[in-house]
Structures are given as structure tokens and as C-alpha cells.
Amino acid sequence: MGFRTRFSSYDQTATDHAQRQTLWVKVADGGWEEDGNWGGYLQITSGGHLKGLWIDSIEGWVTSQGSKVDGTTFYDMGPYYQIWQGTKENGRPLVVENDRLRFVEGATPGKFQIEDATWR
């Protein structure tokens, strides 16, 4: 028993746009939790042929990989989360750029919604 998470862009005025940015993942290895923030290596649990692959980035663009590389941290900001590849101290925040998810060094972190679900 565990959990899986859907993260999508947080924009109260554009829920249709936010739904296009949705991906279901689970923290499958290396999970941690501290001060309400959590993270680990994210494995895709939806998407047909993508299922079982790991989340990483190529030139910052979020992509699926055959093996885990970089951990991801979710920071609880109240009504939304910031998502970072690595941590705030040594990583890059996730943003939506040209309708795609990208980790960008020095960028203003995006605002994302988190939805938990049970999986087996």
C-alpha cells in the first residue's frame, strides 16, 4: 500500500489549462518527509507506455527516463506546492513554459496542485 500523486499547474482561473499539465506519479524510491515538505524519485503510474518510467529532465524539460536520476522535492506553500528538481538549496524549480513542464534555474517557482490517491 502506498500513494500516488497527480500534480498540475495551479491557476484558479484556468482549470482546463491546469488539467492539460497533469501527470500521475508515485514516490517509489528514496522518499523523505520534513516539515510538511516531501519528495523522492518519481515513477510514472499512468500514461500507458510511460507507466513505470522515472521523471527526470533533459535541458530542464520534464521527460520520462528508463532509470531514476534526480530526486524531486514538493514544498507545501499553503494553497499550492512548489516542485523542485533537487531542493531549493541546490536545485531548479518547476515552471510551465509553452504549455510544457520545465525545471528552470533561477526562475520564479510555479504553483502546482497536489492530489493524493491510494494505489496498490
Protein backbone atom coordinates (compact mmCIF):
# COMPACT_ATOMS: atom_id res chain seq x y z
CA MET A 1 0.00 0.00 0.00
CA GLY A 2 1.25 3.49 -0.79
CA PHE A 3 0.12 6.62 -2.52
CA ARG A 4 0.35 8.23 -5.87
CA THR A 5 0.16 11.90 -6.71
CA ARG A 6 -1.14 14.00 -9.54
CA PHE A 7 0.45 17.37 -9.95
CA SER A 8 -0.95 20.04 -12.22
CA SER A 9 -0.42 23.75 -12.61
CA TYR A 10 -2.25 25.86 -10.02
CA ASP A 11 -4.38 28.54 -11.61
CA GLN A 12 -7.83 29.16 -10.18
CA THR A 13 -8.97 30.95 -13.34
CA ALA A 14 -7.78 28.37 -15.86
CA THR A 15 -8.72 24.92 -14.63
CA ASP A 16 -8.90 23.50 -18.17
CA HIS A 17 -5.33 24.65 -18.80
CA ALA A 18 -4.23 23.13 -15.49
CA GLN A 19 -5.73 19.76 -16.40
CA ARG A 20 -3.56 19.58 -19.54
CA GLN A 21 -0.49 19.74 -17.28
CA THR A 22 -1.48 16.65 -15.25
CA LEU A 23 0.70 13.62 -14.57
CA TRP A 24 0.19 10.77 -12.07
CA VAL A 25 3.35 9.68 -10.27
CA LYS A 26 4.37 7.85 -7.12
CA VAL A 27 7.37 8.25 -4.86
CA ALA A 28 8.77 4.79 -5.50
CA ASP A 29 12.23 5.05 -4.01
CA GLY A 30 14.19 7.38 -1.77
CA GLY A 31 11.17 9.08 -0.22
CA TRP A 32 11.63 11.66 2.51
CA GLU A 33 9.42 13.99 4.53
CA GLU A 34 10.41 17.02 6.57
CA ASP A 35 8.35 19.97 7.88
CA GLY A 36 5.37 19.12 5.65
CA ASN A 37 7.60 19.01 2.56
CA TRP A 38 8.29 15.69 0.87
CA GLY A 39 9.98 14.14 -2.10
CA GLY A 40 11.91 11.31 -3.64
CA TYR A 41 12.32 9.69 -7.02
CA LEU A 42 9.10 9.93 -9.02
CA GLN A 43 7.83 7.00 -11.06
CA ILE A 44 5.00 7.39 -13.59
CA THR A 45 1.85 5.40 -12.72
CA SER A 46 -0.27 6.44 -15.72
CA GLY A 47 0.21 7.04 -19.42
CA GLY A 48 0.20 3.57 -20.95
CA HIS A 49 3.67 3.14 -22.46
CA LEU A 50 5.14 5.65 -19.94
CA LYS A 51 3.99 3.68 -16.90
CA GLY A 52 6.93 2.54 -14.77
CA LEU A 53 9.37 5.09 -16.19
CA TRP A 54 11.00 7.75 -13.99
CA ILE A 55 10.64 11.56 -14.05
CA ASP A 56 13.76 13.49 -14.97
CA SER A 57 14.63 16.33 -17.32
CA ILE A 58 16.61 16.98 -20.48
CA GLU A 59 17.77 20.61 -20.71
CA GLY A 60 15.19 21.26 -17.99
CA TRP A 61 12.23 19.84 -19.93
CA VAL A 62 10.37 17.21 -17.89
CA THR A 63 10.63 13.85 -19.57
CA SER A 64 10.42 10.16 -18.81
CA GLN A 65 13.59 8.11 -18.33
CA GLY A 66 14.29 4.40 -18.02
CA SER A 67 16.14 4.86 -14.72
CA LYS A 68 15.98 7.29 -11.81
CA VAL A 69 18.46 10.17 -11.84
CA ASP A 70 17.43 13.25 -9.82
CA GLY A 71 15.09 13.43 -6.85
CA THR A 72 12.19 15.87 -6.68
CA THR A 73 11.04 17.87 -3.65
CA PHE A 74 7.50 19.18 -3.07
CA TYR A 75 7.31 22.31 -0.86
CA ASP A 76 3.97 23.00 0.86
CA MET A 77 3.12 26.67 0.32
CA GLY A 78 -0.42 26.51 1.75
CA PRO A 79 -2.91 26.52 -1.15
CA TYR A 80 -0.29 25.24 -3.63
CA TYR A 81 3.08 23.48 -3.87
CA GLN A 82 6.40 24.44 -5.37
CA ILE A 83 8.11 21.49 -7.06
CA TRP A 84 11.89 21.43 -7.35
CA GLN A 85 14.30 19.06 -9.05
CA GLY A 86 16.67 18.58 -6.12
CA THR A 87 15.98 21.10 -3.35
CA LYS A 88 15.64 24.88 -3.03
CA GLU A 89 19.28 24.98 -1.95
CA ASN A 90 20.73 23.02 -4.87
CA GLY A 91 18.04 22.53 -7.50
CA ARG A 92 15.74 24.07 -10.08
CA PRO A 93 12.04 24.99 -9.67
CA LEU A 94 9.35 23.57 -11.94
CA VAL A 95 7.52 26.04 -14.20
CA VAL A 96 5.09 25.83 -17.12
CA GLU A 97 6.76 27.11 -20.27
CA ASN A 98 4.98 26.97 -23.64
CA ASP A 99 2.40 24.56 -22.15
CA ARG A 100 5.19 22.17 -21.08
CA LEU A 101 6.71 21.42 -17.70
CA ARG A 102 10.31 22.56 -17.25
CA PHE A 103 12.83 22.81 -14.39
CA VAL A 104 14.49 26.24 -14.78
CA GLU A 105 17.39 27.50 -12.69
CA GLY A 106 16.73 30.98 -11.28
CA ALA A 107 13.07 31.02 -12.37
CA THR A 108 10.14 32.07 -10.20
CA PRO A 109 8.74 28.71 -9.00
CA GLY A 110 5.41 27.66 -10.50
CA LYS A 111 2.35 26.98 -8.36
CA PHE A 112 1.06 23.41 -8.52
CA GLN A 113 -1.84 21.47 -7.04
CA ILE A 114 -1.26 18.05 -5.50
CA GLU A 115 -3.92 15.36 -5.39
CA ASP A 116 -3.25 12.17 -3.44
CA ALA A 117 -4.78 8.82 -4.28
CA THR A 118 -4.35 5.31 -2.93
CA TRP A 119 -2.69 2.66 -5.08
CA ARG A 120 -1.71 -0.97 -4.63
